[in-house]
Amino acid sequence: MTVLGTEYTTNKHLYAIFRNSSGLIWNGSSLVTMVVANWATYAVDLDEEPGSGNWYQVVVPILPDGVYDGSYIFERVTGTPLTTDPPIGSIDHLEIKNGSELTLSTIPARVWPVRFVKKS
């Protein structure tokens, strides 16, 4: 499995939004055209290793094969994800093939590093 991870302040609420190279956003079951009113349905929550500030989410196999450009990690400020939540990291290029392979190009971080780890 491949895990998206980042370091951030402990006891927060983080989530990722995955946008593919065609501009479609993952809503948990399919890739769709973004509608601002549906923002919360696009959020893929990250889990924290308790009290560590290490945040993670398994991205393969939850995402379908494809290239994901312009994906971000946000801090959820209120009880529900909003388009006004601050982005804390970005993923320029994420490529998934055959439901398990992961190819990365650049992973720039706005504030906090974003990393991918392959685990078995």
PDB file of N, CA and C in Angstrom:
ATOM      1  N   MET A   1       0.842  -1.176   0.000  1.00  0.00           N
ATOM      2  CA  MET A   1       0.000   0.000   0.000  1.00  0.00           C
ATOM      3  C   MET A   1       0.880   1.230   0.000  1.00  0.00           C
ATOM      4  N   THR A   2       0.414   2.319  -0.527  1.00  0.00           N
ATOM      5  CA  THR A   2       1.163   3.569  -0.554  1.00  0.00           C
ATOM      6  C   THR A   2       0.465   4.572   0.353  1.00  0.00           C
ATOM      7  N   VAL A   3       1.254   5.233   1.177  1.00  0.00           N
ATOM      8  CA  VAL A   3       0.717   6.130   2.184  1.00  0.00           C
ATOM      9  C   VAL A   3       1.185   7.549   1.934  1.00  0.00           C
ATOM     10  N   LEU A   4       0.258   8.493   1.936  1.00  0.00           N
ATOM     11  CA  LEU A   4       0.556   9.918   1.893  1.00  0.00           C
ATOM     12  C   LEU A   4       0.784  10.343   3.324  1.00  0.00           C
ATOM     13  N   GLY A   5       1.848  11.065   3.589  1.00  0.00           N
ATOM     14  CA  GLY A   5       2.098  11.502   4.955  1.00  0.00           C
ATOM     15  C   GLY A   5       2.652  12.905   5.006  1.00  0.00           C
ATOM     16  N   THR A   6       2.472  13.550   6.132  1.00  0.00           N
ATOM     17  CA  THR A   6       3.040  14.872   6.360  1.00  0.00           C
ATOM     18  C   THR A   6       3.201  15.072   7.852  1.00  0.00           C
ATOM     19  N   GLU A   7       3.985  16.063   8.216  1.00  0.00           N
ATOM     20  CA  GLU A   7       4.126  16.436   9.617  1.00  0.00           C
ATOM     21  C   GLU A   7       3.415  17.763   9.811  1.00  0.00           C
ATOM     22  N   TYR A   8       2.688  17.872  10.909  1.00  0.00           N
ATOM     23  CA  TYR A   8       1.940  19.093  11.184  1.00  0.00           C
ATOM     24  C   TYR A   8       1.626  19.124  12.669  1.00  0.00           C
ATOM     25  N   THR A   9       1.126  20.225  13.126  1.00  0.00           N
ATOM     26  CA  THR A   9       0.752  20.384  14.525  1.00  0.00           C
ATOM     27  C   THR A   9      -0.192  19.271  14.952  1.00  0.00           C
ATOM     28  N   THR A  10       0.003  18.780  16.153  1.00  0.00           N
ATOM     29  CA  THR A  10      -0.820  17.692  16.658  1.00  0.00           C
ATOM     30  C   THR A  10      -2.236  18.162  17.017  1.00  0.00           C
ATOM     31  N   ASN A  11      -3.153  17.222  17.063  1.00  0.00           N
ATOM     32  CA  ASN A  11      -4.553  17.468  17.458  1.00  0.00           C
ATOM     33  C   ASN A  11      -5.287  18.458  16.558  1.00  0.00           C
ATOM     34  N   LYS A  12      -5.015  18.411  15.283  1.00  0.00           N
ATOM     35  CA  LYS A  12      -5.735  19.218  14.289  1.00  0.00           C
ATOM     36  C   LYS A  12      -6.579  18.273  13.444  1.00  0.00           C
ATOM     37  N   HIS A  13      -7.196  18.794  12.404  1.00  0.00           N
ATOM     38  CA  HIS A  13      -7.972  17.981  11.463  1.00  0.00           C
ATOM     39  C   HIS A  13      -7.446  18.286  10.069  1.00  0.00           C
ATOM     40  N   LEU A  14      -6.806  17.303   9.444  1.00  0.00           N
ATOM     41  CA  LEU A  14      -6.252  17.493   8.102  1.00  0.00           C
ATOM     42  C   LEU A  14      -6.994  16.626   7.100  1.00  0.00           C
ATOM     43  N   TYR A  15      -7.065  17.131   5.872  1.00  0.00           N
ATOM     44  CA  TYR A  15      -7.663  16.354   4.786  1.00  0.00           C
ATOM     45  C   TYR A  15      -6.970  16.696   3.476  1.00  0.00           C
ATOM     46  N   ALA A  16      -7.087  15.797   2.522  1.00  0.00           N
ATOM     47  CA  ALA A  16      -6.514  16.004   1.191  1.00  0.00           C
ATOM     48  C   ALA A  16      -7.638  16.105   0.169  1.00  0.00           C
ATOM     49  N   ILE A  17      -7.380  16.874  -0.870  1.00  0.00           N
ATOM     50  CA  ILE A  17      -8.263  16.964  -2.039  1.00  0.00           C
ATOM     51  C   ILE A  17      -7.405  16.521  -3.225  1.00  0.00           C
ATOM     52  N   PHE A  18      -7.884  15.526  -3.974  1.00  0.00           N
ATOM     53  CA  PHE A  18      -7.131  15.007  -5.112  1.00  0.00           C
ATOM     54  C   PHE A  18      -7.785  15.432  -6.416  1.00  0.00           C
ATOM     55  N   ARG A  19      -7.032  16.184  -7.235  1.00  0.00           N
ATOM     56  CA  ARG A  19      -7.505  16.664  -8.542  1.00  0.00           C
ATOM     57  C   ARG A  19      -6.662  16.003  -9.619  1.00  0.00           C
ATOM     58  N   ASN A  20      -7.327  15.421 -10.626  1.00  0.00           N
ATOM     59  CA  ASN A  20      -6.558  14.748 -11.681  1.00  0.00           C
ATOM     60  C   ASN A  20      -6.126  15.745 -12.760  1.00  0.00           C
ATOM     61  N   SER A  21      -5.374  15.256 -13.732  1.00  0.00           N
ATOM     62  CA  SER A  21      -4.821  16.137 -14.770  1.00  0.00           C
ATOM     63  C   SER A  21      -5.886  16.736 -15.679  1.00  0.00           C
ATOM     64  N   SER A  22      -7.120  16.209 -15.647  1.00  0.00           N
ATOM     65  CA  SER A  22      -8.231  16.781 -16.412  1.00  0.00           C
ATOM     66  C   SER A  22      -9.022  17.796 -15.599  1.00  0.00           C
ATOM     67  N   GLY A  23      -8.604  18.031 -14.350  1.00  0.00           N
ATOM     68  CA  GLY A  23      -9.292  18.994 -13.498  1.00  0.00           C
ATOM     69  C   GLY A  23     -10.447  18.406 -12.707  1.00  0.00           C
ATOM     70  N   LEU A  24     -10.650  17.100 -12.795  1.00  0.00           N
ATOM     71  CA  LEU A  24     -11.729  16.458 -12.043  1.00  0.00           C
ATOM     72  C   LEU A  24     -11.244  16.127 -10.634  1.00  0.00           C
ATOM     73  N   ILE A  25     -12.172  16.111  -9.679  1.00  0.00           N
ATOM     74  CA  ILE A  25     -11.839  15.898  -8.269  1.00  0.00           C
ATOM     75  C   ILE A  25     -12.434  14.583  -7.791  1.00  0.00           C
ATOM     76  N   TRP A  26     -11.658  13.856  -6.981  1.00  0.00           N
ATOM     77  CA  TRP A  26     -12.099  12.591  -6.399  1.00  0.00           C
ATOM     78  C   TRP A  26     -13.108  12.883  -5.287  1.00  0.00           C
ATOM     79  N   ASN A  27     -14.292  12.249  -5.359  1.00  0.00           N
ATOM     80  CA  ASN A  27     -15.324  12.484  -4.340  1.00  0.00           C
ATOM     81  C   ASN A  27     -15.550  11.281  -3.432  1.00  0.00           C
ATOM     82  N   GLY A  28     -14.629  10.348  -3.464  1.00  0.00           N
ATOM     83  CA  GLY A  28     -14.762   9.160  -2.633  1.00  0.00           C
ATOM     84  C   GLY A  28     -15.254   7.949  -3.392  1.00  0.00           C
ATOM     85  N   SER A  29     -15.887   8.186  -4.555  1.00  0.00           N
ATOM     86  CA  SER A  29     -16.338   7.048  -5.355  1.00  0.00           C
ATOM     87  C   SER A  29     -16.074   7.237  -6.843  1.00  0.00           C
ATOM     88  N   SER A  30     -15.892   8.484  -7.282  1.00  0.00           N
ATOM     89  CA  SER A  30     -15.607   8.734  -8.693  1.00  0.00           C
ATOM     90  C   SER A  30     -14.961  10.102  -8.856  1.00  0.00           C
ATOM     91  N   LEU A  31     -14.474  10.370 -10.059  1.00  0.00           N
ATOM     92  CA  LEU A  31     -13.913  11.680 -10.390  1.00  0.00           C
ATOM     93  C   LEU A  31     -15.014  12.541 -10.981  1.00  0.00           C
ATOM     94  N   VAL A  32     -15.185  13.747 -10.448  1.00  0.00           N
ATOM     95  CA  VAL A  32     -16.296  14.614 -10.829  1.00  0.00           C
ATOM     96  C   VAL A  32     -15.815  16.040 -11.060  1.00  0.00           C
ATOM     97  N   THR A  33     -16.641  16.829 -11.721  1.00  0.00           N
ATOM     98  CA  THR A  33     -16.385  18.258 -11.863  1.00  0.00           C
ATOM     99  C   THR A  33     -16.625  18.924 -10.516  1.00  0.00           C
ATOM    100  N   MET A  34     -15.701  19.799 -10.119  1.00  0.00           N
ATOM    101  CA  MET A  34     -15.825  20.442  -8.817  1.00  0.00           C
ATOM    102  C   MET A  34     -17.035  21.373  -8.764  1.00  0.00           C
ATOM    103  N   VAL A  35     -17.778  21.243  -7.672  1.00  0.00           N
ATOM    104  CA  VAL A  35     -18.882  22.138  -7.349  1.00  0.00           C
ATOM    105  C   VAL A  35     -18.604  22.622  -5.929  1.00  0.00           C
ATOM    106  N   VAL A  36     -18.456  23.927  -5.740  1.00  0.00           N
ATOM    107  CA  VAL A  36     -18.085  24.477  -4.436  1.00  0.00           C
ATOM    108  C   VAL A  36     -18.989  23.960  -3.321  1.00  0.00           C
ATOM    109  N   ALA A  37     -20.282  23.864  -3.566  1.00  0.00           N
ATOM    110  CA  ALA A  37     -21.228  23.410  -2.539  1.00  0.00           C
ATOM    111  C   ALA A  37     -20.952  21.972  -2.089  1.00  0.00           C
ATOM    112  N   ASN A  38     -20.214  21.210  -2.906  1.00  0.00           N
ATOM    113  CA  ASN A  38     -19.915  19.811  -2.573  1.00  0.00           C
ATOM    114  C   ASN A  38     -18.508  19.615  -2.011  1.00  0.00           C
ATOM    115  N   TRP A  39     -17.823  20.693  -1.646  1.00  0.00           N
ATOM    116  CA  TRP A  39     -16.431  20.635  -1.209  1.00  0.00           C
ATOM    117  C   TRP A  39     -16.190  19.554  -0.146  1.00  0.00           C
ATOM    118  N   ALA A  40     -17.070  19.460   0.836  1.00  0.00           N
ATOM    119  CA  ALA A  40     -16.877  18.496   1.926  1.00  0.00           C
ATOM    120  C   ALA A  40     -16.849  17.052   1.420  1.00  0.00           C
ATOM    121  N   THR A  41     -17.523  16.779   0.304  1.00  0.00           N
ATOM    122  CA  THR A  41     -17.545  15.400  -0.212  1.00  0.00           C
ATOM    123  C   THR A  41     -16.224  15.010  -0.866  1.00  0.00           C
ATOM    124  N   TYR A  42     -15.363  15.981  -1.145  1.00  0.00           N
ATOM    125  CA  TYR A  42     -14.077  15.718  -1.781  1.00  0.00           C
ATOM    126  C   TYR A  42     -12.967  15.446  -0.762  1.00  0.00           C
ATOM    127  N   ALA A  43     -13.219  15.753   0.491  1.00  0.00           N
ATOM    128  CA  ALA A  43     -12.189  15.654   1.528  1.00  0.00           C
ATOM    129  C   ALA A  43     -11.875  14.197   1.871  1.00  0.00           C
ATOM    130  N   VAL A  44     -10.593  13.869   1.822  1.00  0.00           N
ATOM    131  CA  VAL A  44     -10.102  12.557   2.254  1.00  0.00           C
ATOM    132  C   VAL A  44      -9.317  12.820   3.539  1.00  0.00           C
ATOM    133  N   ASP A  45      -9.890  12.436   4.667  1.00  0.00           N
ATOM    134  CA  ASP A  45      -9.275  12.728   5.963  1.00  0.00           C
ATOM    135  C   ASP A  45      -7.932  12.042   6.128  1.00  0.00           C
ATOM    136  N   LEU A  46      -6.999  12.749   6.766  1.00  0.00           N
ATOM    137  CA  LEU A  46      -5.730  12.164   7.165  1.00  0.00           C
ATOM    138  C   LEU A  46      -5.835  11.819   8.648  1.00  0.00           C
ATOM    139  N   ASP A  47      -5.198  10.750   9.041  1.00  0.00           N
ATOM    140  CA  ASP A  47      -5.188  10.322  10.438  1.00  0.00           C
ATOM    141  C   ASP A  47      -3.855  10.699  11.058  1.00  0.00           C
ATOM    142  N   GLU A  48      -3.891  11.006  12.349  1.00  0.00           N
ATOM    143  CA  GLU A  48      -2.660  11.308  13.068  1.00  0.00           C
ATOM    144  C   GLU A  48      -2.264  10.111  13.918  1.00  0.00           C
ATOM    145  N   GLU A  49      -0.975   9.775  13.896  1.00  0.00           N
ATOM    146  CA  GLU A  49      -0.477   8.834  14.887  1.00  0.00           C
ATOM    147  C   GLU A  49      -0.607   9.591  16.206  1.00  0.00           C
ATOM    148  N   PRO A  50      -1.388   9.087  17.151  1.00  0.00           N
ATOM    149  CA  PRO A  50      -1.778   9.848  18.346  1.00  0.00           C
ATOM    150  C   PRO A  50      -0.645  10.649  18.994  1.00  0.00           C
ATOM    151  N   GLY A  51      -0.875  11.968  19.062  1.00  0.00           N
ATOM    152  CA  GLY A  51       0.034  12.886  19.724  1.00  0.00           C
ATOM    153  C   GLY A  51       1.380  13.094  19.067  1.00  0.00           C
ATOM    154  N   SER A  52       1.567  12.581  17.848  1.00  0.00           N
ATOM    155  CA  SER A  52       2.889  12.616  17.218  1.00  0.00           C
ATOM    156  C   SER A  52       3.090  13.777  16.251  1.00  0.00           C
ATOM    157  N   GLY A  53       2.002  14.295  15.684  1.00  0.00           N
ATOM    158  CA  GLY A  53       2.128  15.286  14.623  1.00  0.00           C
ATOM    159  C   GLY A  53       2.450  14.652  13.273  1.00  0.00           C
ATOM    160  N   ASN A  54       2.445  13.328  13.203  1.00  0.00           N
ATOM    161  CA  ASN A  54       2.635  12.601  11.941  1.00  0.00           C
ATOM    162  C   ASN A  54       1.268  12.207  11.407  1.00  0.00           C
ATOM    163  N   TRP A  55       0.937  12.714  10.224  1.00  0.00           N
ATOM    164  CA  TRP A  55      -0.380  12.524   9.608  1.00  0.00           C
ATOM    165  C   TRP A  55      -0.234  11.632   8.395  1.00  0.00           C
ATOM    166  N   TYR A  56      -1.224  10.779   8.123  1.00  0.00           N
ATOM    167  CA  TYR A  56      -1.109   9.852   7.009  1.00  0.00           C
ATOM    168  C   TYR A  56      -2.486   9.466   6.464  1.00  0.00           C
ATOM    169  N   GLN A  57      -2.481   8.941   5.251  1.00  0.00           N
ATOM    170  CA  GLN A  57      -3.667   8.371   4.619  1.00  0.00           C
ATOM    171  C   GLN A  57      -3.191   7.431   3.523  1.00  0.00           C
ATOM    172  N   VAL A  58      -3.792   6.267   3.450  1.00  0.00           N
ATOM    173  CA  VAL A  58      -3.494   5.334   2.369  1.00  0.00           C
ATOM    174  C   VAL A  58      -4.136   5.885   1.098  1.00  0.00           C
ATOM    175  N   VAL A  59      -3.356   6.121   0.055  1.00  0.00           N
ATOM    176  CA  VAL A  59      -3.916   6.675  -1.187  1.00  0.00           C
ATOM    177  C   VAL A  59      -4.070   5.632  -2.278  1.00  0.00           C
ATOM    178  N   VAL A  60      -3.311   4.574  -2.207  1.00  0.00           N
ATOM    179  CA  VAL A  60      -3.489   3.468  -3.142  1.00  0.00           C
ATOM    180  C   VAL A  60      -3.907   2.297  -2.278  1.00  0.00           C
ATOM    181  N   PRO A  61      -5.050   1.709  -2.442  1.00  0.00           N
ATOM    182  CA  PRO A  61      -5.875   1.663  -3.641  1.00  0.00           C
ATOM    183  C   PRO A  61      -7.122   2.537  -3.620  1.00  0.00           C
ATOM    184  N   ILE A  62      -7.254   3.562  -2.763  1.00  0.00           N
ATOM    185  CA  ILE A  62      -8.518   4.322  -2.755  1.00  0.00           C
ATOM    186  C   ILE A  62      -8.707   5.187  -3.999  1.00  0.00           C
ATOM    187  N   LEU A  63      -7.613   5.628  -4.622  1.00  0.00           N
ATOM    188  CA  LEU A  63      -7.720   6.456  -5.824  1.00  0.00           C
ATOM    189  C   LEU A  63      -7.627   5.588  -7.073  1.00  0.00           C
ATOM    190  N   PRO A  64      -8.424   5.905  -8.091  1.00  0.00           N
ATOM    191  CA  PRO A  64      -8.310   5.155  -9.349  1.00  0.00           C
ATOM    192  C   PRO A  64      -7.020   5.519 -10.089  1.00  0.00           C
ATOM    193  N   ASP A  65      -6.617   4.664 -11.010  1.00  0.00           N
ATOM    194  CA  ASP A  65      -5.436   4.932 -11.823  1.00  0.00           C
ATOM    195  C   ASP A  65      -5.560   6.298 -12.478  1.00  0.00           C
ATOM    196  N   GLY A  66      -4.439   6.973 -12.605  1.00  0.00           N
ATOM    197  CA  GLY A  66      -4.436   8.258 -13.280  1.00  0.00           C
ATOM    198  C   GLY A  66      -3.334   9.158 -12.769  1.00  0.00           C
ATOM    199  N   VAL A  67      -3.293  10.348 -13.315  1.00  0.00           N
ATOM    200  CA  VAL A  67      -2.331  11.367 -12.919  1.00  0.00           C
ATOM    201  C   VAL A  67      -3.091  12.435 -12.142  1.00  0.00           C
ATOM    202  N   TYR A  68      -2.599  12.759 -10.965  1.00  0.00           N
ATOM    203  CA  TYR A  68      -3.230  13.752 -10.093  1.00  0.00           C
ATOM    204  C   TYR A  68      -2.282  14.935  -9.966  1.00  0.00           C
ATOM    205  N   ASP A  69      -2.662  16.048 -10.566  1.00  0.00           N
ATOM    206  CA  ASP A  69      -1.881  17.278 -10.514  1.00  0.00           C
ATOM    207  C   ASP A  69      -2.676  18.304  -9.720  1.00  0.00           C
ATOM    208  N   GLY A  70      -2.014  19.109  -8.957  1.00  0.00           N
ATOM    209  CA  GLY A  70      -2.709  20.163  -8.224  1.00  0.00           C
ATOM    210  C   GLY A  70      -3.527  19.644  -7.056  1.00  0.00           C
ATOM    211  N   SER A  71      -3.036  18.615  -6.369  1.00  0.00           N
ATOM    212  CA  SER A  71      -3.718  18.102  -5.184  1.00  0.00           C
ATOM    213  C   SER A  71      -3.134  18.792  -3.947  1.00  0.00           C
ATOM    214  N   TYR A  72      -3.951  18.945  -2.913  1.00  0.00           N
ATOM    215  CA  TYR A  72      -3.535  19.697  -1.730  1.00  0.00           C
ATOM    216  C   TYR A  72      -3.946  19.012  -0.439  1.00  0.00           C
ATOM    217  N   ILE A  73      -3.225  19.354   0.628  1.00  0.00           N
ATOM    218  CA  ILE A  73      -3.615  18.988   1.989  1.00  0.00           C
ATOM    219  C   ILE A  73      -4.044  20.279   2.683  1.00  0.00           C
ATOM    220  N   PHE A  74      -5.176  20.212   3.375  1.00  0.00           N
ATOM    221  CA  PHE A  74      -5.740  21.367   4.065  1.00  0.00           C
ATOM    222  C   PHE A  74      -5.888  21.083   5.548  1.00  0.00           C
ATOM    223  N   GLU A  75      -5.888  22.156   6.350  1.00  0.00           N
ATOM    224  CA  GLU A  75      -6.286  22.055   7.748  1.00  0.00           C
ATOM    225  C   GLU A  75      -7.753  22.446   7.839  1.00  0.00           C
ATOM    226  N   ARG A  76      -8.568  21.536   8.364  1.00  0.00           N
ATOM    227  CA  ARG A  76      -9.990  21.835   8.563  1.00  0.00           C
ATOM    228  C   ARG A  76     -10.111  22.714   9.801  1.00  0.00           C
ATOM    229  N   VAL A  77     -10.635  23.924   9.621  1.00  0.00           N
ATOM    230  CA  VAL A  77     -10.704  24.902  10.705  1.00  0.00           C
ATOM    231  C   VAL A  77     -12.006  24.777  11.489  1.00  0.00           C
ATOM    232  N   THR A  78     -13.096  24.425  10.814  1.00  0.00           N
ATOM    233  CA  THR A  78     -14.390  24.287  11.482  1.00  0.00           C
ATOM    234  C   THR A  78     -14.794  22.813  11.486  1.00  0.00           C
ATOM    235  N   GLY A  79     -16.039  22.535  11.784  1.00  0.00           N
ATOM    236  CA  GLY A  79     -16.519  21.161  11.860  1.00  0.00           C
ATOM    237  C   GLY A  79     -16.622  20.448  10.534  1.00  0.00           C
ATOM    238  N   THR A  80     -16.596  21.177   9.438  1.00  0.00           N
ATOM    239  CA  THR A  80     -16.727  20.569   8.111  1.00  0.00           C
ATOM    240  C   THR A  80     -15.704  21.207   7.160  1.00  0.00           C
ATOM    241  N   PRO A  81     -15.185  20.466   6.187  1.00  0.00           N
ATOM    242  CA  PRO A  81     -14.251  21.061   5.231  1.00  0.00           C
ATOM    243  C   PRO A  81     -14.907  22.194   4.430  1.00  0.00           C
ATOM    244  N   LEU A  82     -14.173  23.297   4.300  1.00  0.00           N
ATOM    245  CA  LEU A  82     -14.648  24.465   3.556  1.00  0.00           C
ATOM    246  C   LEU A  82     -13.584  24.911   2.560  1.00  0.00           C
ATOM    247  N   THR A  83     -14.001  25.571   1.501  1.00  0.00           N
ATOM    248  CA  THR A  83     -13.050  26.068   0.505  1.00  0.00           C
ATOM    249  C   THR A  83     -12.129  27.136   1.085  1.00  0.00           C
ATOM    250  N   THR A  84     -12.461  27.682   2.230  1.00  0.00           N
ATOM    251  CA  THR A  84     -11.630  28.703   2.872  1.00  0.00           C
ATOM    252  C   THR A  84     -10.594  28.110   3.823  1.00  0.00           C
ATOM    253  N   ASP A  85     -10.582  26.784   3.993  1.00  0.00           N
ATOM    254  CA  ASP A  85      -9.575  26.149   4.847  1.00  0.00           C
ATOM    255  C   ASP A  85      -8.187  26.398   4.268  1.00  0.00           C
ATOM    256  N   PRO A  86      -7.191  26.645   5.130  1.00  0.00           N
ATOM    257  CA  PRO A  86      -5.849  26.930   4.615  1.00  0.00           C
ATOM    258  C   PRO A  86      -5.147  25.680   4.096  1.00  0.00           C
ATOM    259  N   PRO A  87      -4.545  25.772   2.896  1.00  0.00           N
ATOM    260  CA  PRO A  87      -3.736  24.658   2.411  1.00  0.00           C
ATOM    261  C   PRO A  87      -2.413  24.626   3.170  1.00  0.00           C
ATOM    262  N   ILE A  88      -1.966  23.441   3.547  1.00  0.00           N
ATOM    263  CA  ILE A  88      -0.701  23.340   4.277  1.00  0.00           C
ATOM    264  C   ILE A  88       0.357  22.576   3.484  1.00  0.00           C
ATOM    265  N   GLY A  89      -0.034  21.953   2.383  1.00  0.00           N
ATOM    266  CA  GLY A  89       0.921  21.235   1.541  1.00  0.00           C
ATOM    267  C   GLY A  89       0.326  20.970   0.181  1.00  0.00           C
ATOM    268  N   SER A  90       1.182  20.752  -0.805  1.00  0.00           N
ATOM    269  CA  SER A  90       0.681  20.485  -2.151  1.00  0.00           C
ATOM    270  C   SER A  90       1.445  19.331  -2.783  1.00  0.00           C
ATOM    271  N   ILE A  91       0.784  18.682  -3.721  1.00  0.00           N
ATOM    272  CA  ILE A  91       1.364  17.562  -4.446  1.00  0.00           C
ATOM    273  C   ILE A  91       1.250  17.911  -5.922  1.00  0.00           C
ATOM    274  N   ASP A  92       2.377  18.194  -6.562  1.00  0.00           N
ATOM    275  CA  ASP A  92       2.337  18.616  -7.958  1.00  0.00           C
ATOM    276  C   ASP A  92       2.006  17.488  -8.912  1.00  0.00           C
ATOM    277  N   HIS A  93       2.546  16.304  -8.673  1.00  0.00           N
ATOM    278  CA  HIS A  93       2.353  15.219  -9.643  1.00  0.00           C
ATOM    279  C   HIS A  93       2.347  13.884  -8.912  1.00  0.00           C
ATOM    280  N   LEU A  94       1.229  13.200  -8.996  1.00  0.00           N
ATOM    281  CA  LEU A  94       1.059  11.882  -8.409  1.00  0.00           C
ATOM    282  C   LEU A  94       0.466  10.994  -9.492  1.00  0.00           C
ATOM    283  N   GLU A  95       1.153   9.905  -9.803  1.00  0.00           N
ATOM    284  CA  GLU A  95       0.666   9.005 -10.849  1.00  0.00           C
ATOM    285  C   GLU A  95       0.442   7.625 -10.265  1.00  0.00           C
ATOM    286  N   ILE A  96      -0.763   7.082 -10.471  1.00  0.00           N
ATOM    287  CA  ILE A  96      -1.109   5.752  -9.994  1.00  0.00           C
ATOM    288  C   ILE A  96      -1.372   4.873 -11.206  1.00  0.00           C
ATOM    289  N   LYS A  97      -0.739   3.703 -11.208  1.00  0.00           N
ATOM    290  CA  LYS A  97      -0.897   2.748 -12.315  1.00  0.00           C
ATOM    291  C   LYS A  97      -1.221   1.379 -11.742  1.00  0.00           C
ATOM    292  N   ASN A  98      -2.090   0.675 -12.403  1.00  0.00           N
ATOM    293  CA  ASN A  98      -2.431  -0.697 -12.034  1.00  0.00           C
ATOM    294  C   ASN A  98      -2.916  -0.830 -10.597  1.00  0.00           C
ATOM    295  N   GLY A  99      -3.502   0.226 -10.063  1.00  0.00           N
ATOM    296  CA  GLY A  99      -4.078   0.175  -8.736  1.00  0.00           C
ATOM    297  C   GLY A  99      -3.092   0.042  -7.606  1.00  0.00           C
ATOM    298  N   SER A 100      -1.790   0.036  -7.897  1.00  0.00           N
ATOM    299  CA  SER A 100      -0.844  -0.113  -6.796  1.00  0.00           C
ATOM    300  C   SER A 100       0.479   0.594  -7.004  1.00  0.00           C
ATOM    301  N   GLU A 101       0.858   0.853  -8.235  1.00  0.00           N
ATOM    302  CA  GLU A 101       2.142   1.501  -8.470  1.00  0.00           C
ATOM    303  C   GLU A 101       1.993   3.003  -8.301  1.00  0.00           C
ATOM    304  N   LEU A 102       3.019   3.611  -7.806  1.00  0.00           N
ATOM    305  CA  LEU A 102       3.004   5.044  -7.568  1.00  0.00           C
ATOM    306  C   LEU A 102       4.256   5.654  -8.152  1.00  0.00           C
ATOM    307  N   THR A 103       4.096   6.689  -8.965  1.00  0.00           N
ATOM    308  CA  THR A 103       5.227   7.426  -9.514  1.00  0.00           C
ATOM    309  C   THR A 103       5.045   8.874  -9.118  1.00  0.00           C
ATOM    310  N   LEU A 104       6.067   9.469  -8.554  1.00  0.00           N
ATOM    311  CA  LEU A 104       6.007  10.865  -8.141  1.00  0.00           C
ATOM    312  C   LEU A 104       7.039  11.671  -8.895  1.00  0.00           C
ATOM    313  N   SER A 105       6.680  12.890  -9.242  1.00  0.00           N
ATOM    314  CA  SER A 105       7.678  13.805  -9.784  1.00  0.00           C
ATOM    315  C   SER A 105       8.068  14.745  -8.659  1.00  0.00           C
ATOM    316  N   THR A 106       7.426  15.861  -8.576  1.00  0.00           N
ATOM    317  CA  THR A 106       7.785  16.863  -7.591  1.00  0.00           C
ATOM    318  C   THR A 106       6.790  16.859  -6.453  1.00  0.00           C
ATOM    319  N   ILE A 107       7.263  17.028  -5.279  1.00  0.00           N
ATOM    320  CA  ILE A 107       6.362  17.149  -4.136  1.00  0.00           C
ATOM    321  C   ILE A 107       6.766  18.417  -3.383  1.00  0.00           C
ATOM    322  N   PRO A 108       6.382  19.593  -3.875  1.00  0.00           N
ATOM    323  CA  PRO A 108       6.743  20.797  -3.144  1.00  0.00           C
ATOM    324  C   PRO A 108       5.810  20.963  -1.948  1.00  0.00           C
ATOM    325  N   ALA A 109       6.288  21.562  -0.922  1.00  0.00           N
ATOM    326  CA  ALA A 109       5.452  21.820   0.249  1.00  0.00           C
ATOM    327  C   ALA A 109       5.339  23.317   0.444  1.00  0.00           C
ATOM    328  N   ARG A 110       4.154  23.773   0.760  1.00  0.00           N
ATOM    329  CA  ARG A 110       3.965  25.194   1.042  1.00  0.00           C
ATOM    330  C   ARG A 110       4.562  25.523   2.392  1.00  0.00           C
ATOM    331  N   VAL A 111       4.242  24.734   3.383  1.00  0.00           N
ATOM    332  CA  VAL A 111       4.746  24.964   4.726  1.00  0.00           C
ATOM    333  C   VAL A 111       5.361  23.691   5.287  1.00  0.00           C
ATOM    334  N   TRP A 112       4.671  22.586   5.127  1.00  0.00           N
ATOM    335  CA  TRP A 112       5.084  21.323   5.717  1.00  0.00           C
ATOM    336  C   TRP A 112       5.414  20.331   4.611  1.00  0.00           C
ATOM    337  N   PRO A 113       6.407  19.471   4.835  1.00  0.00           N
ATOM    338  CA  PRO A 113       6.741  18.491   3.799  1.00  0.00           C
ATOM    339  C   PRO A 113       5.655  17.449   3.635  1.00  0.00           C
ATOM    340  N   VAL A 114       5.437  17.042   2.398  1.00  0.00           N
ATOM    341  CA  VAL A 114       4.507  15.963   2.075  1.00  0.00           C
ATOM    342  C   VAL A 114       5.350  14.819   1.561  1.00  0.00           C
ATOM    343  N   ARG A 115       5.074  13.624   2.013  1.00  0.00           N
ATOM    344  CA  ARG A 115       5.877  12.493   1.572  1.00  0.00           C
ATOM    345  C   ARG A 115       4.995  11.288   1.285  1.00  0.00           C
ATOM    346  N   PHE A 116       5.510  10.394   0.485  1.00  0.00           N
ATOM    347  CA  PHE A 116       4.834   9.142   0.184  1.00  0.00           C
ATOM    348  C   PHE A 116       5.749   8.002   0.593  1.00  0.00           C
ATOM    349  N   VAL A 117       5.173   6.986   1.185  1.00  0.00           N
ATOM    350  CA  VAL A 117       5.932   5.826   1.625  1.00  0.00           C
ATOM    351  C   VAL A 117       5.215   4.579   1.124  1.00  0.00           C
ATOM    352  N   LYS A 118       5.939   3.656   0.539  1.00  0.00           N
ATOM    353  CA  LYS A 118       5.340   2.386   0.126  1.00  0.00           C
ATOM    354  C   LYS A 118       5.488   1.408   1.284  1.00  0.00           C
ATOM    355  N   LYS A 119       4.376   0.842   1.724  1.00  0.00           N
ATOM    356  CA  LYS A 119       4.374  -0.144   2.800  1.00  0.00           C
ATOM    357  C   LYS A 119       3.734  -1.413   2.288  1.00  0.00           C
ATOM    358  N   SER A 120       4.131  -2.528   2.844  1.00  0.00           N
ATOM    359  CA  SER A 120       3.512  -3.774   2.422  1.00  0.00           C
ATOM    360  C   SER A 120       2.692  -4.370   3.550  1.00  0.00           C
TER     361      SER A 120
END
